[in-house]
Amino acid sequence: MIPMILFYASLFMYILPVPSLVITVPTQPPPRVNDSTSVLLTWTSAESDPSHFFIAVKNIFPPDLNVTSFIQPMENFAATRNVSLVFEYAGKTFIEAIKASPTAPDSNITFASSEPFQVDEGLANGISASFTSTITGSTMETSVTIPSTSTAATASSSSKHNHTAAVIAAVLSGIILLVLTAASVFIWRYHKRRNIARQGTFSTNFDDERQHIPTMPAFLNSIDEREHRASLGSPSDHSFDVPPPPYSLFIRE
């Protein structure tokens, strides 16, 4: 009985061979959107692994919807390789290895698949790109790399920062100019008021002194009065202590 079971088991394995390709995705830390993630494709033999196939990145949406977001062709696969992938979307993701069906030209067969893994959100959205290399052997393959939008976002952020700094500098310059102008006007008005106050004080003192200067008629009347007293015999009145008036246009007749 046991030999028959082993015979049928070996026959089943021969008809449906188990693929040897193993797809390994690092999950610690989880890959992020727009970050390059290295995926290991382990090759065993030419009998079990096809030399030409495709790598498909698929996103899992509940309940049972799988959407292909990126496909990378693999050519001349004959050694273990590292494939760098950049994921477009966050969420549950897995990678499949697909080859063309030998019986149906328009259909494909999935012969290897990775375990589902989580892709976390990144800083900016980008476009998938890939790079493939060979660990053993001298063969190297590259695919077209499309840059993500992170560089444009960085340039936009730098330009915005420079614009903000220019606006702040202009505002500070305007405030300083306004303060200097106000201080100049205040100092000018202060000196002007001080000069006007000095001129007003000088004019008032000069007018007061002019009021104390005796006029010519008053001076002549004072002389006549003193001469009259002298003629009456008052010797002490001969000394004239009244100063002569300044020059005047008045002439006594």
Protein backbone atom coordinates (compact mmCIF):
# COMPACT_ATOMS: atom_id res chain seq x y z
CA MET A 1 0.00 0.00 0.00
CA ILE A 2 2.77 2.40 0.90
CA PRO A 3 4.71 1.82 -2.33
CA MET A 4 1.57 2.64 -4.34
CA ILE A 5 1.13 5.92 -2.43
CA LEU A 6 4.73 6.88 -3.07
CA PHE A 7 4.35 6.00 -6.76
CA TYR A 8 1.26 8.19 -7.22
CA ALA A 9 2.88 10.99 -5.25
CA SER A 10 5.98 10.95 -7.42
CA LEU A 11 3.81 10.79 -10.55
CA PHE A 12 1.84 13.85 -9.33
CA MET A 13 5.05 15.75 -8.61
CA TYR A 14 6.36 14.90 -12.07
CA ILE A 15 3.19 16.07 -13.80
CA LEU A 16 2.91 19.26 -11.70
CA PRO A 17 6.46 20.20 -10.69
CA VAL A 18 6.84 22.49 -7.73
CA PRO A 19 8.60 25.69 -8.86
CA SER A 20 11.89 26.39 -7.16
CA LEU A 21 11.85 30.19 -7.62
CA VAL A 22 11.52 31.92 -4.26
CA ILE A 23 10.57 35.61 -4.01
CA THR A 24 11.76 37.18 -0.74
CA VAL A 25 10.71 40.70 0.28
CA PRO A 26 12.24 42.32 3.40
CA THR A 27 9.51 43.42 5.79
CA GLN A 28 11.55 44.83 8.71
CA PRO A 29 11.15 47.72 8.40
CA PRO A 30 8.18 47.61 6.03
CA PRO A 31 8.81 49.09 2.59
CA ARG A 32 7.45 52.58 1.96
CA VAL A 33 5.89 54.23 -1.06
CA ASN A 34 8.56 55.80 -3.33
CA ASP A 35 11.38 54.08 -1.42
CA SER A 36 13.57 51.59 -3.29
CA THR A 37 13.05 48.07 -1.94
CA SER A 38 15.40 45.17 -2.77
CA VAL A 39 13.56 41.93 -3.65
CA LEU A 40 15.55 38.66 -3.77
CA LEU A 41 14.81 36.16 -6.57
CA THR A 42 16.42 32.83 -5.66
CA TRP A 43 17.35 30.73 -8.73
CA THR A 44 17.93 26.97 -8.45
CA SER A 45 18.18 25.32 -11.85
CA ALA A 46 17.34 25.84 -15.51
CA GLU A 47 14.97 22.86 -15.42
CA SER A 48 12.67 24.40 -12.80
CA ASP A 49 13.06 28.15 -13.39
CA PRO A 50 12.24 29.76 -16.77
CA SER A 51 14.78 32.11 -18.26
CA HIS A 52 12.17 34.61 -19.45
CA PHE A 53 9.24 35.73 -17.28
CA PHE A 54 7.62 38.80 -15.69
CA ILE A 55 7.47 40.15 -12.15
CA ALA A 56 4.08 41.66 -11.30
CA VAL A 57 3.43 43.85 -8.24
CA LYS A 58 -0.16 43.44 -7.09
CA ASN A 59 -2.16 45.31 -4.48
CA ILE A 60 -4.81 43.55 -2.39
CA PHE A 61 -8.14 45.33 -1.94
CA PRO A 62 -10.87 43.77 0.19
CA PRO A 63 -12.63 41.56 -0.09
CA ASP A 64 -10.83 39.65 -2.88
CA LEU A 65 -9.68 42.18 -5.47
CA ASN A 66 -6.07 42.13 -6.68
CA VAL A 67 -4.87 44.98 -8.89
CA THR A 68 -1.59 44.87 -10.81
CA SER A 69 0.26 48.17 -10.35
CA PHE A 70 3.61 47.35 -11.99
CA ILE A 71 5.17 44.70 -14.29
CA GLN A 72 8.91 44.15 -14.73
CA PRO A 73 10.28 41.79 -17.44
CA MET A 74 13.08 39.40 -16.54
CA GLU A 75 15.41 38.26 -19.32
CA ASN A 76 18.12 35.58 -19.26
CA PHE A 77 17.34 34.56 -15.72
CA ALA A 78 20.07 32.05 -14.83
CA ALA A 79 21.28 33.17 -11.39
CA THR A 80 20.02 34.54 -8.12
CA ARG A 81 19.23 38.24 -8.46
CA ASN A 82 18.29 41.27 -6.45
CA VAL A 83 15.57 43.38 -8.04
CA SER A 84 14.99 46.92 -6.76
CA LEU A 85 11.35 47.99 -6.88
CA VAL A 86 9.59 51.25 -6.00
CA PHE A 87 5.97 50.73 -4.96
CA GLU A 88 3.21 53.09 -6.05
CA TYR A 89 0.54 52.38 -3.45
CA ALA A 90 0.38 51.63 0.25
CA GLY A 91 -1.43 48.65 1.74
CA LYS A 92 -1.28 44.88 1.45
CA THR A 93 0.92 43.88 -1.51
CA PHE A 94 2.44 40.74 -2.99
CA ILE A 95 4.71 39.91 -5.96
CA GLU A 96 4.08 37.23 -8.57
CA ALA A 97 6.32 35.58 -11.16
CA ILE A 98 4.38 35.04 -14.40
CA LYS A 99 5.33 33.14 -17.54
CA ALA A 100 3.56 32.65 -20.84
CA SER A 101 1.43 29.54 -21.17
CA PRO A 102 2.93 27.00 -23.58
CA THR A 103 -0.53 25.85 -24.71
CA ALA A 104 -2.44 29.13 -24.81
CA PRO A 105 -0.48 32.02 -26.43
CA ASP A 106 -2.76 34.72 -25.02
CA SER A 107 -2.71 33.49 -21.41
CA ASN A 108 -0.15 33.57 -18.59
CA ILE A 109 0.71 31.21 -15.75
CA THR A 110 1.74 32.30 -12.25
CA PHE A 111 4.50 29.92 -11.17
CA ALA A 112 5.80 31.72 -8.04
CA SER A 113 4.47 34.23 -5.53
CA SER A 114 5.72 36.03 -2.45
CA GLU A 115 4.00 36.21 0.90
CA PRO A 116 1.70 39.24 1.30
CA PHE A 117 3.45 42.19 2.97
CA GLN A 118 2.56 45.71 4.06
CA VAL A 119 3.68 48.86 2.22
CA ASP A 120 3.51 52.01 4.35
CA GLU A 121 2.75 55.53 3.20
CA GLY A 122 5.67 57.58 1.89
CA LEU A 123 6.43 61.30 1.88
CA ALA A 124 5.37 61.90 -1.73
CA ASN A 125 3.72 60.00 -4.55
CA GLY A 126 5.92 58.77 -7.38
CA ILE A 127 6.12 56.43 -10.34
CA SER A 128 7.42 52.87 -10.15
CA ALA A 129 10.95 52.24 -11.28
CA SER A 130 13.24 49.24 -11.13
CA PHE A 131 16.81 48.10 -11.36
CA THR A 132 17.97 44.48 -11.71
CA SER A 133 21.40 43.05 -11.08
CA THR A 134 23.05 39.63 -10.96
CA ILE A 135 24.69 38.30 -7.81
CA THR A 136 26.51 35.38 -9.44
CA GLY A 137 27.93 35.68 -12.91
CA SER A 138 28.75 38.70 -15.02
CA THR A 139 25.30 39.42 -16.46
CA MET A 140 23.63 42.71 -15.52
CA GLU A 141 20.33 44.07 -16.68
CA THR A 142 18.79 47.50 -16.18
CA SER A 143 15.38 48.90 -16.90
CA VAL A 144 14.30 52.48 -17.50
CA THR A 145 14.21 54.45 -14.27
CA ILE A 146 11.55 57.12 -13.95
CA PRO A 147 12.31 59.71 -11.25
CA SER A 148 9.70 60.32 -8.60
CA THR A 149 8.19 63.66 -7.73
CA SER A 150 10.16 64.00 -4.48
CA THR A 151 12.86 66.09 -6.23
CA ALA A 152 10.25 68.49 -7.60
CA ALA A 153 8.61 68.71 -4.18
CA THR A 154 11.98 69.52 -2.58
CA ALA A 155 12.68 72.25 -5.17
CA SER A 156 9.21 73.72 -4.63
CA SER A 157 9.72 73.75 -0.86
CA SER A 158 13.11 75.48 -1.23
CA SER A 159 11.65 78.12 -3.57
CA LYS A 160 8.80 78.79 -1.15
CA HIS A 161 11.25 79.17 1.73
CA ASN A 162 13.37 81.67 -0.24
CA HIS A 163 10.26 83.67 -1.17
CA THR A 164 9.17 83.84 2.49
CA ALA A 165 12.62 85.03 3.58
CA ALA A 166 12.56 87.79 0.93
CA VAL A 167 9.13 88.99 2.10
CA ILE A 168 10.27 89.10 5.75
CA ALA A 169 13.41 91.05 4.83
CA ALA A 170 11.35 93.59 2.84
CA VAL A 171 8.91 94.11 5.74
CA LEU A 172 11.75 94.65 8.25
CA SER A 173 13.45 97.14 5.91
CA GLY A 174 10.20 99.09 5.54
CA ILE A 175 9.70 99.24 9.32
CA ILE A 176 13.27 100.49 9.89
CA LEU A 177 12.87 103.17 7.20
CA LEU A 178 9.57 104.32 8.72
CA VAL A 179 11.12 104.61 12.21
CA LEU A 180 14.06 106.65 10.89
CA THR A 181 11.73 108.99 9.00
CA ALA A 182 9.53 109.55 12.07
CA ALA A 183 12.60 110.24 14.26
CA SER A 184 13.95 112.79 11.76
CA VAL A 185 10.62 114.64 11.62
CA PHE A 186 10.39 114.70 15.44
CA ILE A 187 13.95 116.11 15.85
CA TRP A 188 13.32 118.78 13.17
CA ARG A 189 10.08 119.95 14.83
CA TYR A 190 11.78 120.01 18.26
CA HIS A 191 14.61 122.30 17.06
CA LYS A 192 12.16 124.54 15.21
CA ARG A 193 10.00 125.08 18.32
CA ARG A 194 13.10 125.77 20.42
CA ASN A 195 14.36 128.45 18.01
CA ILE A 196 10.93 130.12 17.95
CA ALA A 197 10.84 130.22 21.77
CA ARG A 198 14.29 131.85 21.92
CA GLN A 199 13.34 134.54 19.40
CA GLY A 200 10.17 135.37 21.34
CA THR A 201 12.10 135.83 24.63
CA PHE A 202 14.71 138.14 23.02
CA SER A 203 12.04 140.40 21.48
CA THR A 204 10.18 140.78 24.81
CA ASN A 205 13.33 141.77 26.76
CA PHE A 206 14.32 144.31 24.13
CA ASP A 207 10.90 145.95 24.23
CA ASP A 208 11.04 146.17 28.05
CA GLU A 209 14.43 147.91 27.96
CA ARG A 210 13.19 150.37 25.38
CA GLN A 211 10.29 151.29 27.66
CA HIS A 212 12.74 152.41 30.41
CA ILE A 213 14.67 154.82 28.13
CA PRO A 214 13.55 158.42 28.88
CA THR A 215 12.33 160.58 26.02
CA MET A 216 13.75 163.94 25.04
CA PRO A 217 10.84 166.08 26.41
CA ALA A 218 11.06 164.36 29.78
CA PHE A 219 14.82 164.90 29.93
CA LEU A 220 14.51 168.61 29.08
CA ASN A 221 11.78 169.09 31.69
CA SER A 222 14.05 167.48 34.25
CA ILE A 223 16.88 169.92 33.37
CA ASP A 224 14.58 172.94 33.66
CA GLU A 225 13.35 171.78 37.04
CA ARG A 226 16.89 171.34 38.34
CA GLU A 227 17.96 174.79 37.01
CA HIS A 228 15.00 176.33 38.73
CA ARG A 229 15.95 174.71 42.00
CA ALA A 230 19.53 175.88 41.59
CA SER A 231 18.43 179.46 41.12
CA LEU A 232 16.50 179.23 44.38
CA GLY A 233 19.70 178.29 46.21
CA SER A 234 19.79 174.54 46.29
CA PRO A 235 23.46 173.68 45.62
CA SER A 236 22.86 170.00 45.87
CA ASP A 237 20.69 170.07 42.82
CA HIS A 238 23.52 171.23 40.54
CA SER A 239 24.73 167.68 40.03
CA PHE A 240 22.73 166.05 37.32
CA ASP A 241 22.46 162.39 37.98
CA VAL A 242 20.04 161.79 35.15
CA PRO A 243 21.85 160.29 32.19
CA PRO A 244 21.39 161.95 28.84
CA PRO A 245 18.86 160.32 26.59
CA PRO A 246 19.94 158.54 23.51
CA TYR A 247 19.85 160.19 20.19
CA SER A 248 16.33 161.27 19.29
CA LEU A 249 14.73 163.08 16.42
CA PHE A 250 12.67 165.27 18.76
CA ILE A 251 14.01 168.91 18.90
CA ARG A 252 12.81 171.27 21.58
CA GLU A 253 11.77 174.72 20.39
